């Protein structure tokens, strides 16, 4: 990542230069405890690589997960393994947490797994009698204790708006 020294905002006691960036969460896996942020192009900061987001930064911010596509403002540092989030300053609340916090009753819809590829970590589900695809990511599944899905399997979901259409924000296996 090419950085303009003018983009530096402050230095901590260990002489790590922190840079403030705005961007979005590319993905976050609660089981692995990390994910990545993509910085938005800004003057003096030209992002050329993803920025690692560790769960400890989220916990310090008061969250334990982050939704794909969530807007984020954070301080980042360059360390031995590359760019990493040092501190989350602002972030969109995870949709599942926001639903719980608002006290809304969670209304599940029945869906059928169209396909799921565990190696890629994503797949699609459909509502019965509808062909529109709903994206499902392994990170969301793992938040609710699910490691894999089989084609044709029935699940109960809560869907929300994602980056490229609807995506599953809460999922559980149908009984």
C-alpha atoms as a PDB file:
ATOM      1  CA  UNK A   1       0.000   0.000   0.000  1.00  0.00           C
ATOM      2  CA  UNK A   2       1.528   3.335  -0.990  1.00  0.00           C
ATOM      3  CA  UNK A   3       1.187   5.900   1.749  1.00  0.00           C
ATOM      4  CA  UNK A   4       1.680   9.628   1.795  1.00  0.00           C
ATOM      5  CA  UNK A   5       3.515  10.766   4.954  1.00  0.00           C
ATOM      6  CA  UNK A   6       0.980  13.618   5.172  1.00  0.00           C
ATOM      7  CA  UNK A   7      -1.705  11.007   5.935  1.00  0.00           C
ATOM      8  CA  UNK A   8      -0.062  10.192   9.298  1.00  0.00           C
ATOM      9  CA  UNK A   9      -2.250  11.216  12.194  1.00  0.00           C
ATOM     10  CA  UNK A  10      -0.432  10.243  15.345  1.00  0.00           C
ATOM     11  CA  UNK A  11       2.244   8.072  16.893  1.00  0.00           C
ATOM     12  CA  UNK A  12       1.899   5.836  19.955  1.00  0.00           C
ATOM     13  CA  UNK A  13       4.519   5.016  22.581  1.00  0.00           C
ATOM     14  CA  UNK A  14       6.011   2.207  20.492  1.00  0.00           C
ATOM     15  CA  UNK A  15       6.656   4.542  17.536  1.00  0.00           C
ATOM     16  CA  UNK A  16       4.037   2.957  15.295  1.00  0.00           C
ATOM     17  CA  UNK A  17       2.663   5.510  12.903  1.00  0.00           C
ATOM     18  CA  UNK A  18      -1.118   5.288  12.839  1.00  0.00           C
ATOM     19  CA  UNK A  19      -3.108   6.239   9.790  1.00  0.00           C
ATOM     20  CA  UNK A  20      -6.828   6.937   9.863  1.00  0.00           C
ATOM     21  CA  UNK A  21      -8.750   5.281   7.031  1.00  0.00           C
ATOM     22  CA  UNK A  22     -12.353   4.919   5.965  1.00  0.00           C
ATOM     23  CA  UNK A  23     -13.464   1.782   4.219  1.00  0.00           C
ATOM     24  CA  UNK A  24     -15.648  -1.286   4.457  1.00  0.00           C
ATOM     25  CA  UNK A  25     -15.341  -4.758   5.907  1.00  0.00           C
ATOM     26  CA  UNK A  26     -14.470  -7.220   3.126  1.00  0.00           C
ATOM     27  CA  UNK A  27     -15.219 -10.219   5.359  1.00  0.00           C
ATOM     28  CA  UNK A  28     -14.894 -11.283   8.975  1.00  0.00           C
ATOM     29  CA  UNK A  29     -14.862 -14.847  10.323  1.00  0.00           C
ATOM     30  CA  UNK A  30     -15.759 -15.156  14.007  1.00  0.00           C
ATOM     31  CA  UNK A  31     -14.247 -18.645  14.305  1.00  0.00           C
ATOM     32  CA  UNK A  32     -10.892 -17.595  12.845  1.00  0.00           C
ATOM     33  CA  UNK A  33     -11.052 -14.342  14.806  1.00  0.00           C
ATOM     34  CA  UNK A  34     -10.072 -12.083  11.947  1.00  0.00           C
ATOM     35  CA  UNK A  35     -11.095 -10.636   8.628  1.00  0.00           C
ATOM     36  CA  UNK A  36     -10.120  -7.853   6.271  1.00  0.00           C
ATOM     37  CA  UNK A  37     -10.967  -4.234   5.603  1.00  0.00           C
ATOM     38  CA  UNK A  38     -10.715  -2.514   2.227  1.00  0.00           C
ATOM     39  CA  UNK A  39      -9.754   1.162   2.462  1.00  0.00           C
ATOM     40  CA  UNK A  40     -11.603   3.708   0.353  1.00  0.00           C
ATOM     41  CA  UNK A  41      -9.305   5.751  -1.878  1.00  0.00           C
ATOM     42  CA  UNK A  42      -8.537   9.044  -0.178  1.00  0.00           C
ATOM     43  CA  UNK A  43      -6.080  11.809  -0.833  1.00  0.00           C
ATOM     44  CA  UNK A  44      -2.637  10.715   0.329  1.00  0.00           C
ATOM     45  CA  UNK A  45      -3.649   7.085   0.813  1.00  0.00           C
ATOM     46  CA  UNK A  46      -3.762   4.708  -2.123  1.00  0.00           C
ATOM     47  CA  UNK A  47      -4.909   1.256  -0.956  1.00  0.00           C
ATOM     48  CA  UNK A  48      -3.213  -1.621  -2.749  1.00  0.00           C
ATOM     49  CA  UNK A  49      -3.824  -4.422  -0.258  1.00  0.00           C
ATOM     50  CA  UNK A  50      -6.387  -5.538   2.290  1.00  0.00           C
ATOM     51  CA  UNK A  51      -5.989  -4.520   5.930  1.00  0.00           C
ATOM     52  CA  UNK A  52      -6.262  -7.238   8.578  1.00  0.00           C
ATOM     53  CA  UNK A  53      -8.958  -6.764  11.221  1.00  0.00           C
ATOM     54  CA  UNK A  54      -8.448  -8.851  14.380  1.00  0.00           C
ATOM     55  CA  UNK A  55     -11.239  -9.678  16.822  1.00  0.00           C
ATOM     56  CA  UNK A  56      -9.350  -7.957  19.668  1.00  0.00           C
ATOM     57  CA  UNK A  57      -9.844  -4.600  17.886  1.00  0.00           C
ATOM     58  CA  UNK A  58     -13.554  -5.316  17.555  1.00  0.00           C
ATOM     59  CA  UNK A  59     -13.822  -6.313  21.226  1.00  0.00           C
ATOM     60  CA  UNK A  60     -12.082  -3.094  22.281  1.00  0.00           C
ATOM     61  CA  UNK A  61     -14.750  -1.282  20.227  1.00  0.00           C
ATOM     62  CA  UNK A  62     -17.526  -3.273  21.963  1.00  0.00           C
ATOM     63  CA  UNK A  63     -18.386  -5.764  19.208  1.00  0.00           C
ATOM     64  CA  UNK A  64     -17.402  -9.360  18.536  1.00  0.00           C
ATOM     65  CA  UNK A  65     -18.127  -9.522  14.811  1.00  0.00           C
ATOM     66  CA  UNK A  66     -18.452  -7.334  11.733  1.00  0.00           C
ATOM     67  CA  UNK A  67     -20.781  -7.658   8.757  1.00  0.00           C
ATOM     68  CA  UNK A  68     -19.491  -7.917   5.227  1.00  0.00           C
ATOM     69  CA  UNK A  69     -19.779  -4.483   3.643  1.00  0.00           C
ATOM     70  CA  UNK A  70     -20.077  -2.627   6.966  1.00  0.00           C
ATOM     71  CA  UNK A  71     -18.708   0.919   6.817  1.00  0.00           C
ATOM     72  CA  UNK A  72     -15.694   1.355   9.101  1.00  0.00           C
ATOM     73  CA  UNK A  73     -13.376   4.142  10.225  1.00  0.00           C
ATOM     74  CA  UNK A  74     -10.209   2.961  11.911  1.00  0.00           C
ATOM     75  CA  UNK A  75      -6.582   3.647  12.662  1.00  0.00           C
ATOM     76  CA  UNK A  76      -4.210   1.279  10.884  1.00  0.00           C
ATOM     77  CA  UNK A  77      -0.515   0.503  11.323  1.00  0.00           C
ATOM     78  CA  UNK A  78       2.073  -1.209   9.175  1.00  0.00           C
ATOM     79  CA  UNK A  79       3.632  -4.162  10.971  1.00  0.00           C
ATOM     80  CA  UNK A  80       5.843  -7.082  10.004  1.00  0.00           C
ATOM     81  CA  UNK A  81       2.963  -8.973   8.358  1.00  0.00           C
ATOM     82  CA  UNK A  82       1.488  -5.940   6.591  1.00  0.00           C
ATOM     83  CA  UNK A  83      -1.283  -3.445   7.311  1.00  0.00           C
ATOM     84  CA  UNK A  84      -3.461  -4.111  10.355  1.00  0.00           C
ATOM     85  CA  UNK A  85      -6.268  -2.301  12.107  1.00  0.00           C
ATOM     86  CA  UNK A  86      -4.937  -0.882  15.363  1.00  0.00           C
ATOM     87  CA  UNK A  87      -8.190   0.666  16.582  1.00  0.00           C
ATOM     88  CA  UNK A  88     -11.793   0.763  15.363  1.00  0.00           C
ATOM     89  CA  UNK A  89     -13.193   4.284  15.714  1.00  0.00           C
ATOM     90  CA  UNK A  90     -16.595   3.863  14.020  1.00  0.00           C
ATOM     91  CA  UNK A  91     -18.390   0.923  12.446  1.00  0.00           C
ATOM     92  CA  UNK A  92     -21.878  -0.021  11.319  1.00  0.00           C
ATOM     93  CA  UNK A  93     -23.450  -2.315  13.929  1.00  0.00           C
ATOM     94  CA  UNK A  94     -23.662  -5.969  12.925  1.00  0.00           C
ATOM     95  CA  UNK A  95     -27.216  -6.448  11.603  1.00  0.00           C
ATOM     96  CA  UNK A  96     -27.984  -9.393  13.881  1.00  0.00           C
ATOM     97  CA  UNK A  97     -26.869  -7.410  16.949  1.00  0.00           C
ATOM     98  CA  UNK A  98     -28.898  -4.383  15.874  1.00  0.00           C
ATOM     99  CA  UNK A  99     -32.030  -6.540  15.515  1.00  0.00           C
ATOM    100  CA  UNK A 100     -31.515  -7.973  19.025  1.00  0.00           C
ATOM    101  CA  UNK A 101     -30.715  -4.550  20.538  1.00  0.00           C
ATOM    102  CA  UNK A 102     -33.833  -2.972  19.079  1.00  0.00           C
ATOM    103  CA  UNK A 103     -35.899  -5.639  20.772  1.00  0.00           C
ATOM    104  CA  UNK A 104     -37.479  -6.641  17.492  1.00  0.00           C
ATOM    105  CA  UNK A 105     -38.940 -10.098  17.330  1.00  0.00           C
ATOM    106  CA  UNK A 106     -36.804 -12.135  14.960  1.00  0.00           C
ATOM    107  CA  UNK A 107     -39.003 -13.405  12.147  1.00  0.00           C
ATOM    108  CA  UNK A 108     -37.461 -16.372  10.381  1.00  0.00           C
ATOM    109  CA  UNK A 109     -38.240 -17.400   6.825  1.00  0.00           C
ATOM    110  CA  UNK A 110     -37.844 -20.918   5.519  1.00  0.00           C
ATOM    111  CA  UNK A 111     -35.201 -21.299   2.804  1.00  0.00           C
ATOM    112  CA  UNK A 112     -33.619 -24.135   0.858  1.00  0.00           C
ATOM    113  CA  UNK A 113     -29.880 -24.373   0.194  1.00  0.00           C
ATOM    114  CA  UNK A 114     -29.310 -23.957  -3.547  1.00  0.00           C
ATOM    115  CA  UNK A 115     -25.603 -24.700  -3.140  1.00  0.00           C
ATOM    116  CA  UNK A 116     -22.827 -24.117  -0.634  1.00  0.00           C
ATOM    117  CA  UNK A 117     -19.078 -24.443  -1.190  1.00  0.00           C
ATOM    118  CA  UNK A 118     -17.221 -24.834   2.119  1.00  0.00           C
ATOM    119  CA  UNK A 119     -13.824 -24.271   0.446  1.00  0.00           C
ATOM    120  CA  UNK A 120     -14.972 -20.897  -0.885  1.00  0.00           C
ATOM    121  CA  UNK A 121     -16.959 -20.132   2.264  1.00  0.00           C
ATOM    122  CA  UNK A 122     -20.196 -19.076   0.627  1.00  0.00           C
ATOM    123  CA  UNK A 123     -23.264 -20.213  -1.247  1.00  0.00           C
ATOM    124  CA  UNK A 124     -26.872 -19.339  -1.941  1.00  0.00           C
ATOM    125  CA  UNK A 125     -30.284 -20.183  -0.532  1.00  0.00           C
ATOM    126  CA  UNK A 126     -33.747 -19.608  -1.988  1.00  0.00           C
ATOM    127  CA  UNK A 127     -37.160 -19.115  -0.463  1.00  0.00           C
ATOM    128  CA  UNK A 128     -39.602 -21.881  -1.433  1.00  0.00           C
ATOM    129  CA  UNK A 129     -41.409 -21.090  -4.699  1.00  0.00           C
ATOM    130  CA  UNK A 130     -39.037 -18.183  -5.498  1.00  0.00           C
ATOM    131  CA  UNK A 131     -35.957 -18.214  -7.655  1.00  0.00           C
ATOM    132  CA  UNK A 132     -34.147 -15.121  -6.337  1.00  0.00           C
ATOM    133  CA  UNK A 133     -30.850 -16.051  -4.710  1.00  0.00           C
ATOM    134  CA  UNK A 134     -29.934 -15.006  -1.182  1.00  0.00           C
ATOM    135  CA  UNK A 135     -26.188 -14.957  -0.443  1.00  0.00           C
ATOM    136  CA  UNK A 136     -24.950 -16.861   2.615  1.00  0.00           C
ATOM    137  CA  UNK A 137     -21.408 -16.575   3.984  1.00  0.00           C
ATOM    138  CA  UNK A 138     -19.586 -19.011   6.248  1.00  0.00           C
ATOM    139  CA  UNK A 139     -18.871 -16.203   8.745  1.00  0.00           C
ATOM    140  CA  UNK A 140     -22.603 -15.696   9.334  1.00  0.00           C
ATOM    141  CA  UNK A 141     -23.153 -19.438   9.620  1.00  0.00           C
ATOM    142  CA  UNK A 142     -20.371 -19.785  12.180  1.00  0.00           C
ATOM    143  CA  UNK A 143     -21.892 -17.018  14.320  1.00  0.00           C
ATOM    144  CA  UNK A 144     -24.850 -19.365  14.745  1.00  0.00           C
ATOM    145  CA  UNK A 145     -22.912 -22.628  15.151  1.00  0.00           C
ATOM    146  CA  UNK A 146     -23.216 -23.953  11.586  1.00  0.00           C
ATOM    147  CA  UNK A 147     -20.078 -25.149   9.754  1.00  0.00           C
ATOM    148  CA  UNK A 148     -21.530 -26.475   6.519  1.00  0.00           C
ATOM    149  CA  UNK A 149     -24.726 -26.796   4.501  1.00  0.00           C
ATOM    150  CA  UNK A 150     -25.863 -29.393   1.986  1.00  0.00           C
ATOM    151  CA  UNK A 151     -27.711 -28.725  -1.265  1.00  0.00           C
ATOM    152  CA  UNK A 152     -31.452 -29.121  -0.667  1.00  0.00           C
ATOM    153  CA  UNK A 153     -31.154 -28.713   3.100  1.00  0.00           C
ATOM    154  CA  UNK A 154     -33.813 -26.544   4.749  1.00  0.00           C
ATOM    155  CA  UNK A 155     -32.763 -23.639   6.951  1.00  0.00           C
ATOM    156  CA  UNK A 156     -34.488 -20.774   8.725  1.00  0.00           C
ATOM    157  CA  UNK A 157     -33.095 -17.339   7.866  1.00  0.00           C
ATOM    158  CA  UNK A 158     -33.388 -13.626   8.390  1.00  0.00           C
ATOM    159  CA  UNK A 159     -32.230 -11.814   5.259  1.00  0.00           C
ATOM    160  CA  UNK A 160     -31.070  -8.248   4.843  1.00  0.00           C
ATOM    161  CA  UNK A 161     -29.615  -5.990   2.188  1.00  0.00           C
ATOM    162  CA  UNK A 162     -26.038  -6.890   1.276  1.00  0.00           C
ATOM    163  CA  UNK A 163     -23.489  -5.337  -1.085  1.00  0.00           C
ATOM    164  CA  UNK A 164     -24.803  -7.172  -4.132  1.00  0.00           C
ATOM    165  CA  UNK A 165     -28.368  -8.027  -3.125  1.00  0.00           C
ATOM    166  CA  UNK A 166     -29.972  -9.915  -0.289  1.00  0.00           C
ATOM    167  CA  UNK A 167     -27.779 -11.802   2.149  1.00  0.00           C
ATOM    168  CA  UNK A 168     -28.447 -13.970   5.181  1.00  0.00           C
ATOM    169  CA  UNK A 169     -27.809 -12.175   8.504  1.00  0.00           C
ATOM    170  CA  UNK A 170     -29.198 -14.840  10.860  1.00  0.00           C
ATOM    171  CA  UNK A 171     -29.469 -18.557  10.144  1.00  0.00           C
ATOM    172  CA  UNK A 172     -30.428 -21.730  11.967  1.00  0.00           C
ATOM    173  CA  UNK A 173     -31.092 -25.273  10.854  1.00  0.00           C
ATOM    174  CA  UNK A 174     -34.730 -26.116  10.250  1.00  0.00           C
ATOM    175  CA  UNK A 175     -36.138 -28.837  12.467  1.00  0.00           C
END
